[in-house]
Amino acid sequence: MSQTFSVTGLNCQSCVTHVTGALSALEGVHTVSVDLDPKGASTVRVEASRALSDDEVQAALAEEGDYSLLR
């Protein structure tokens, strides 16, 4: 299952690494890719064996820093 999320707060490649790691740790996630937009919302694509809820994604992002899921 493929899902796409818009996430704010990513400013550099280090942010991409943090977000990728946080989402990759969620159960069922196979791959995470990020199209970085340091001046706006970055596009995060997740391939997983199950649907991820917005709340689950936001919780994982919040643990890594000041990242917010646009809903």
PDB file of N, CA and C in Angstrom:
ATOM      1  N   MET A   1       0.845  -1.176   0.000  1.00  0.00           N
ATOM      2  CA  MET A   1       0.000   0.000   0.000  1.00  0.00           C
ATOM      3  C   MET A   1       0.888   1.236   0.000  1.00  0.00           C
ATOM      4  N   SER A   2       0.575   2.156  -0.886  1.00  0.00           N
ATOM      5  CA  SER A   2       1.335   3.396  -0.998  1.00  0.00           C
ATOM      6  C   SER A   2       0.524   4.555  -0.424  1.00  0.00           C
ATOM      7  N   GLN A   3       1.189   5.380   0.402  1.00  0.00           N
ATOM      8  CA  GLN A   3       0.554   6.568   0.955  1.00  0.00           C
ATOM      9  C   GLN A   3       1.490   7.750   0.790  1.00  0.00           C
ATOM     10  N   THR A   4       0.906   8.926   0.632  1.00  0.00           N
ATOM     11  CA  THR A   4       1.681  10.150   0.499  1.00  0.00           C
ATOM     12  C   THR A   4       1.224  11.139   1.561  1.00  0.00           C
ATOM     13  N   PHE A   5       2.205  11.751   2.216  1.00  0.00           N
ATOM     14  CA  PHE A   5       1.933  12.723   3.279  1.00  0.00           C
ATOM     15  C   PHE A   5       2.687  14.015   2.989  1.00  0.00           C
ATOM     16  N   SER A   6       2.128  15.137   3.404  1.00  0.00           N
ATOM     17  CA  SER A   6       2.813  16.434   3.342  1.00  0.00           C
ATOM     18  C   SER A   6       3.274  16.763   4.746  1.00  0.00           C
ATOM     19  N   VAL A   7       4.571  17.060   4.865  1.00  0.00           N
ATOM     20  CA  VAL A   7       5.170  17.275   6.180  1.00  0.00           C
ATOM     21  C   VAL A   7       5.955  18.579   6.167  1.00  0.00           C
ATOM     22  N   THR A   8       5.747  19.404   7.193  1.00  0.00           N
ATOM     23  CA  THR A   8       6.496  20.645   7.338  1.00  0.00           C
ATOM     24  C   THR A   8       7.594  20.467   8.382  1.00  0.00           C
ATOM     25  N   GLY A   9       8.576  21.354   8.325  1.00  0.00           N
ATOM     26  CA  GLY A   9       9.650  21.348   9.312  1.00  0.00           C
ATOM     27  C   GLY A   9      10.938  20.712   8.830  1.00  0.00           C
ATOM     28  N   LEU A  10      10.930  20.148   7.635  1.00  0.00           N
ATOM     29  CA  LEU A  10      12.143  19.552   7.095  1.00  0.00           C
ATOM     30  C   LEU A  10      12.934  20.636   6.374  1.00  0.00           C
ATOM     31  N   ASN A  11      14.152  20.901   6.845  1.00  0.00           N
ATOM     32  CA  ASN A  11      14.950  21.981   6.285  1.00  0.00           C
ATOM     33  C   ASN A  11      16.228  21.518   5.600  1.00  0.00           C
ATOM     34  N   CYS A  12      16.647  20.275   5.863  1.00  0.00           N
ATOM     35  CA  CYS A  12      17.933  19.823   5.336  1.00  0.00           C
ATOM     36  C   CYS A  12      17.936  18.296   5.198  1.00  0.00           C
ATOM     37  N   GLN A  13      19.035  17.777   4.693  1.00  0.00           N
ATOM     38  CA  GLN A  13      19.140  16.331   4.498  1.00  0.00           C
ATOM     39  C   GLN A  13      19.128  15.582   5.828  1.00  0.00           C
ATOM     40  N   SER A  14      19.626  16.200   6.879  1.00  0.00           N
ATOM     41  CA  SER A  14      19.587  15.570   8.202  1.00  0.00           C
ATOM     42  C   SER A  14      18.141  15.369   8.654  1.00  0.00           C
ATOM     43  N   CYS A  15      17.282  16.345   8.381  1.00  0.00           N
ATOM     44  CA  CYS A  15      15.853  16.221   8.694  1.00  0.00           C
ATOM     45  C   CYS A  15      15.251  15.048   7.932  1.00  0.00           C
ATOM     46  N   VAL A  16      15.620  14.917   6.672  1.00  0.00           N
ATOM     47  CA  VAL A  16      15.124  13.810   5.849  1.00  0.00           C
ATOM     48  C   VAL A  16      15.524  12.480   6.484  1.00  0.00           C
ATOM     49  N   THR A  17      16.755  12.389   6.955  1.00  0.00           N
ATOM     50  CA  THR A  17      17.240  11.164   7.596  1.00  0.00           C
ATOM     51  C   THR A  17      16.435  10.844   8.851  1.00  0.00           C
ATOM     52  N   HIS A  18      16.160  11.861   9.675  1.00  0.00           N
ATOM     53  CA  HIS A  18      15.384  11.659  10.909  1.00  0.00           C
ATOM     54  C   HIS A  18      13.967  11.180  10.603  1.00  0.00           C
ATOM     55  N   VAL A  19      13.314  11.833   9.654  1.00  0.00           N
ATOM     56  CA  VAL A  19      11.937  11.484   9.310  1.00  0.00           C
ATOM     57  C   VAL A  19      11.878  10.094   8.674  1.00  0.00           C
ATOM     58  N   THR A  20      12.817   9.811   7.797  1.00  0.00           N
ATOM     59  CA  THR A  20      12.865   8.489   7.161  1.00  0.00           C
ATOM     60  C   THR A  20      13.036   7.395   8.208  1.00  0.00           C
ATOM     61  N   GLY A  21      13.919   7.613   9.158  1.00  0.00           N
ATOM     62  CA  GLY A  21      14.141   6.630  10.221  1.00  0.00           C
ATOM     63  C   GLY A  21      12.920   6.429  11.096  1.00  0.00           C
ATOM     64  N   ALA A  22      12.267   7.531  11.452  1.00  0.00           N
ATOM     65  CA  ALA A  22      11.085   7.451  12.322  1.00  0.00           C
ATOM     66  C   ALA A  22       9.961   6.675  11.655  1.00  0.00           C
ATOM     67  N   LEU A  23       9.706   6.968  10.395  1.00  0.00           N
ATOM     68  CA  LEU A  23       8.607   6.296   9.705  1.00  0.00           C
ATOM     69  C   LEU A  23       8.967   4.859   9.329  1.00  0.00           C
ATOM     70  N   SER A  24      10.233   4.611   9.031  1.00  0.00           N
ATOM     71  CA  SER A  24      10.667   3.249   8.709  1.00  0.00           C
ATOM     72  C   SER A  24      10.516   2.317   9.897  1.00  0.00           C
ATOM     73  N   ALA A  25      10.552   2.866  11.110  1.00  0.00           N
ATOM     74  CA  ALA A  25      10.438   2.058  12.326  1.00  0.00           C
ATOM     75  C   ALA A  25       9.005   1.621  12.612  1.00  0.00           C
ATOM     76  N   LEU A  26       8.028   2.222  11.937  1.00  0.00           N
ATOM     77  CA  LEU A  26       6.636   1.844  12.164  1.00  0.00           C
ATOM     78  C   LEU A  26       6.368   0.453  11.590  1.00  0.00           C
ATOM     79  N   GLU A  27       5.526  -0.277  12.274  1.00  0.00           N
ATOM     80  CA  GLU A  27       5.193  -1.641  11.868  1.00  0.00           C
ATOM     81  C   GLU A  27       4.616  -1.675  10.453  1.00  0.00           C
ATOM     82  N   GLY A  28       5.168  -2.548   9.633  1.00  0.00           N
ATOM     83  CA  GLY A  28       4.646  -2.761   8.290  1.00  0.00           C
ATOM     84  C   GLY A  28       5.243  -1.879   7.210  1.00  0.00           C
ATOM     85  N   VAL A  29       6.076  -0.900   7.588  1.00  0.00           N
ATOM     86  CA  VAL A  29       6.651   0.014   6.599  1.00  0.00           C
ATOM     87  C   VAL A  29       7.830  -0.657   5.900  1.00  0.00           C
ATOM     88  N   HIS A  30       7.806  -0.608   4.559  1.00  0.00           N
ATOM     89  CA  HIS A  30       8.873  -1.201   3.749  1.00  0.00           C
ATOM     90  C   HIS A  30       9.854  -0.145   3.260  1.00  0.00           C
ATOM     91  N   THR A  31       9.340   0.951   2.713  1.00  0.00           N
ATOM     92  CA  THR A  31      10.218   2.008   2.209  1.00  0.00           C
ATOM     93  C   THR A  31       9.616   3.382   2.497  1.00  0.00           C
ATOM     94  N   VAL A  32      10.504   4.356   2.619  1.00  0.00           N
ATOM     95  CA  VAL A  32      10.109   5.753   2.819  1.00  0.00           C
ATOM     96  C   VAL A  32      10.970   6.597   1.888  1.00  0.00           C
ATOM     97  N   SER A  33      10.354   7.504   1.137  1.00  0.00           N
ATOM     98  CA  SER A  33      11.107   8.447   0.319  1.00  0.00           C
ATOM     99  C   SER A  33      10.580   9.849   0.584  1.00  0.00           C
ATOM    100  N   VAL A  34      11.500  10.812   0.547  1.00  0.00           N
ATOM    101  CA  VAL A  34      11.146  12.195   0.866  1.00  0.00           C
ATOM    102  C   VAL A  34      11.616  13.115  -0.251  1.00  0.00           C
ATOM    103  N   ASP A  35      10.711  13.951  -0.747  1.00  0.00           N
ATOM    104  CA  ASP A  35      11.057  15.036  -1.663  1.00  0.00           C
ATOM    105  C   ASP A  35      11.140  16.297  -0.813  1.00  0.00           C
ATOM    106  N   LEU A  36      12.363  16.708  -0.491  1.00  0.00           N
ATOM    107  CA  LEU A  36      12.597  17.831   0.414  1.00  0.00           C
ATOM    108  C   LEU A  36      12.199  19.163  -0.204  1.00  0.00           C
ATOM    109  N   ASP A  37      11.414  19.932   0.560  1.00  0.00           N
ATOM    110  CA  ASP A  37      11.081  21.313   0.204  1.00  0.00           C
ATOM    111  C   ASP A  37      11.340  22.157   1.454  1.00  0.00           C
ATOM    112  N   PRO A  38      12.557  22.698   1.608  1.00  0.00           N
ATOM    113  CA  PRO A  38      12.911  23.416   2.834  1.00  0.00           C
ATOM    114  C   PRO A  38      12.108  24.689   3.080  1.00  0.00           C
ATOM    115  N   LYS A  39      11.406  25.184   2.069  1.00  0.00           N
ATOM    116  CA  LYS A  39      10.638  26.417   2.237  1.00  0.00           C
ATOM    117  C   LYS A  39       9.146  26.161   2.383  1.00  0.00           C
ATOM    118  N   GLY A  40       8.752  24.890   2.412  1.00  0.00           N
ATOM    119  CA  GLY A  40       7.324  24.572   2.501  1.00  0.00           C
ATOM    120  C   GLY A  40       7.114  23.158   2.989  1.00  0.00           C
ATOM    121  N   ALA A  41       6.115  22.516   2.450  1.00  0.00           N
ATOM    122  CA  ALA A  41       5.786  21.148   2.856  1.00  0.00           C
ATOM    123  C   ALA A  41       6.518  20.147   1.964  1.00  0.00           C
ATOM    124  N   SER A  42       7.239  19.242   2.582  1.00  0.00           N
ATOM    125  CA  SER A  42       7.922  18.175   1.857  1.00  0.00           C
ATOM    126  C   SER A  42       6.942  17.036   1.612  1.00  0.00           C
ATOM    127  N   THR A  43       7.128  16.334   0.516  1.00  0.00           N
ATOM    128  CA  THR A  43       6.289  15.191   0.182  1.00  0.00           C
ATOM    129  C   THR A  43       6.972  13.926   0.669  1.00  0.00           C
ATOM    130  N   VAL A  44       6.258  13.155   1.488  1.00  0.00           N
ATOM    131  CA  VAL A  44       6.789  11.911   2.042  1.00  0.00           C
ATOM    132  C   VAL A  44       5.937  10.756   1.520  1.00  0.00           C
ATOM    133  N   ARG A  45       6.589   9.825   0.849  1.00  0.00           N
ATOM    134  CA  ARG A  45       5.894   8.655   0.310  1.00  0.00           C
ATOM    135  C   ARG A  45       6.294   7.430   1.114  1.00  0.00           C
ATOM    136  N   VAL A  46       5.289   6.663   1.508  1.00  0.00           N
ATOM    137  CA  VAL A  46       5.514   5.473   2.328  1.00  0.00           C
ATOM    138  C   VAL A  46       4.891   4.265   1.641  1.00  0.00           C
ATOM    139  N   GLU A  47       5.668   3.200   1.547  1.00  0.00           N
ATOM    140  CA  GLU A  47       5.161   1.908   1.084  1.00  0.00           C
ATOM    141  C   GLU A  47       5.087   1.010   2.311  1.00  0.00           C
ATOM    142  N   ALA A  48       3.901   0.490   2.582  1.00  0.00           N
ATOM    143  CA  ALA A  48       3.717  -0.333   3.777  1.00  0.00           C
ATOM    144  C   ALA A  48       2.720  -1.448   3.483  1.00  0.00           C
ATOM    145  N   SER A  49       2.740  -2.443   4.339  1.00  0.00           N
ATOM    146  CA  SER A  49       1.825  -3.573   4.177  1.00  0.00           C
ATOM    147  C   SER A  49       0.446  -3.277   4.754  1.00  0.00           C
ATOM    148  N   ARG A  50       0.318  -2.102   5.388  1.00  0.00           N
ATOM    149  CA  ARG A  50      -0.965  -1.697   5.977  1.00  0.00           C
ATOM    150  C   ARG A  50      -1.084  -0.188   5.890  1.00  0.00           C
ATOM    151  N   ALA A  51      -2.288   0.315   6.063  1.00  0.00           N
ATOM    152  CA  ALA A  51      -2.509   1.762   6.058  1.00  0.00           C
ATOM    153  C   ALA A  51      -2.025   2.366   7.373  1.00  0.00           C
ATOM    154  N   LEU A  52      -1.310   3.463   7.273  1.00  0.00           N
ATOM    155  CA  LEU A  52      -0.873   4.198   8.459  1.00  0.00           C
ATOM    156  C   LEU A  52      -1.862   5.321   8.723  1.00  0.00           C
ATOM    157  N   SER A  53      -2.226   5.499   9.981  1.00  0.00           N
ATOM    158  CA  SER A  53      -3.142   6.592  10.320  1.00  0.00           C
ATOM    159  C   SER A  53      -2.367   7.900  10.427  1.00  0.00           C
ATOM    160  N   ASP A  54      -3.052   9.008  10.218  1.00  0.00           N
ATOM    161  CA  ASP A  54      -2.426  10.319  10.376  1.00  0.00           C
ATOM    162  C   ASP A  54      -1.863  10.496  11.780  1.00  0.00           C
ATOM    163  N   ASP A  55      -2.612  10.042  12.791  1.00  0.00           N
ATOM    164  CA  ASP A  55      -2.162  10.181  14.178  1.00  0.00           C
ATOM    165  C   ASP A  55      -0.877   9.398  14.425  1.00  0.00           C
ATOM    166  N   GLU A  56      -0.803   8.212  13.851  1.00  0.00           N
ATOM    167  CA  GLU A  56       0.387   7.365  14.002  1.00  0.00           C
ATOM    168  C   GLU A  56       1.607   8.029  13.353  1.00  0.00           C
ATOM    169  N   VAL A  57       1.419   8.581  12.174  1.00  0.00           N
ATOM    170  CA  VAL A  57       2.504   9.263  11.473  1.00  0.00           C
ATOM    171  C   VAL A  57       2.927  10.511  12.245  1.00  0.00           C
ATOM    172  N   GLN A  58       1.962  11.309  12.710  1.00  0.00           N
ATOM    173  CA  GLN A  58       2.292  12.526  13.464  1.00  0.00           C
ATOM    174  C   GLN A  58       3.051  12.190  14.740  1.00  0.00           C
ATOM    175  N   ALA A  59       2.660  11.140  15.437  1.00  0.00           N
ATOM    176  CA  ALA A  59       3.347  10.745  16.675  1.00  0.00           C
ATOM    177  C   ALA A  59       4.800  10.373  16.386  1.00  0.00           C
ATOM    178  N   ALA A  60       5.035   9.633  15.311  1.00  0.00           N
ATOM    179  CA  ALA A  60       6.402   9.251  14.942  1.00  0.00           C
ATOM    180  C   ALA A  60       7.229  10.480  14.580  1.00  0.00           C
ATOM    181  N   LEU A  61       6.626  11.426  13.857  1.00  0.00           N
ATOM    182  CA  LEU A  61       7.325  12.648  13.478  1.00  0.00           C
ATOM    183  C   LEU A  61       7.669  13.496  14.700  1.00  0.00           C
ATOM    184  N   ALA A  62       6.723  13.610  15.618  1.00  0.00           N
ATOM    185  CA  ALA A  62       6.916  14.445  16.812  1.00  0.00           C
ATOM    186  C   ALA A  62       8.048  13.924  17.687  1.00  0.00           C
ATOM    187  N   GLU A  63       8.257  12.623  17.691  1.00  0.00           N
ATOM    188  CA  GLU A  63       9.344  12.042  18.485  1.00  0.00           C
ATOM    189  C   GLU A  63      10.708  12.438  17.945  1.00  0.00           C
ATOM    190  N   GLU A  64      10.779  12.786  16.683  1.00  0.00           N
ATOM    191  CA  GLU A  64      12.055  13.100  16.037  1.00  0.00           C
ATOM    192  C   GLU A  64      12.384  14.586  16.009  1.00  0.00           C
ATOM    193  N   GLY A  65      11.405  15.436  16.218  1.00  0.00           N
ATOM    194  CA  GLY A  65      11.679  16.869  16.168  1.00  0.00           C
ATOM    195  C   GLY A  65      10.425  17.675  15.883  1.00  0.00           C
ATOM    196  N   ASP A  66      10.637  18.865  15.379  1.00  0.00           N
ATOM    197  CA  ASP A  66       9.542  19.806  15.140  1.00  0.00           C
ATOM    198  C   ASP A  66       8.981  19.627  13.732  1.00  0.00           C
ATOM    199  N   TYR A  67       8.496  18.426  13.464  1.00  0.00           N
ATOM    200  CA  TYR A  67       7.913  18.084  12.158  1.00  0.00           C
ATOM    201  C   TYR A  67       6.416  17.938  12.330  1.00  0.00           C
ATOM    202  N   SER A  68       5.673  18.433  11.367  1.00  0.00           N
ATOM    203  CA  SER A  68       4.207  18.376  11.455  1.00  0.00           C
ATOM    204  C   SER A  68       3.596  17.854  10.183  1.00  0.00           C
ATOM    205  N   LEU A  69       2.633  16.976  10.350  1.00  0.00           N
ATOM    206  CA  LEU A  69       1.881  16.427   9.245  1.00  0.00           C
ATOM    207  C   LEU A  69       0.783  17.414   8.885  1.00  0.00           C
ATOM    208  N   LEU A  70       0.711  17.815   7.627  1.00  0.00           N
ATOM    209  CA  LEU A  70      -0.390  18.667   7.163  1.00  0.00           C
ATOM    210  C   LEU A  70      -1.596  17.777   6.910  1.00  0.00           C
ATOM    211  N   ARG A  71      -2.705  18.116   7.516  1.00  0.00           N
ATOM    212  CA  ARG A  71      -3.908  17.283   7.371  1.00  0.00           C
ATOM    213  C   ARG A  71      -4.943  17.995   6.560  1.00  0.00           C
TER     214      ARG A  71
END
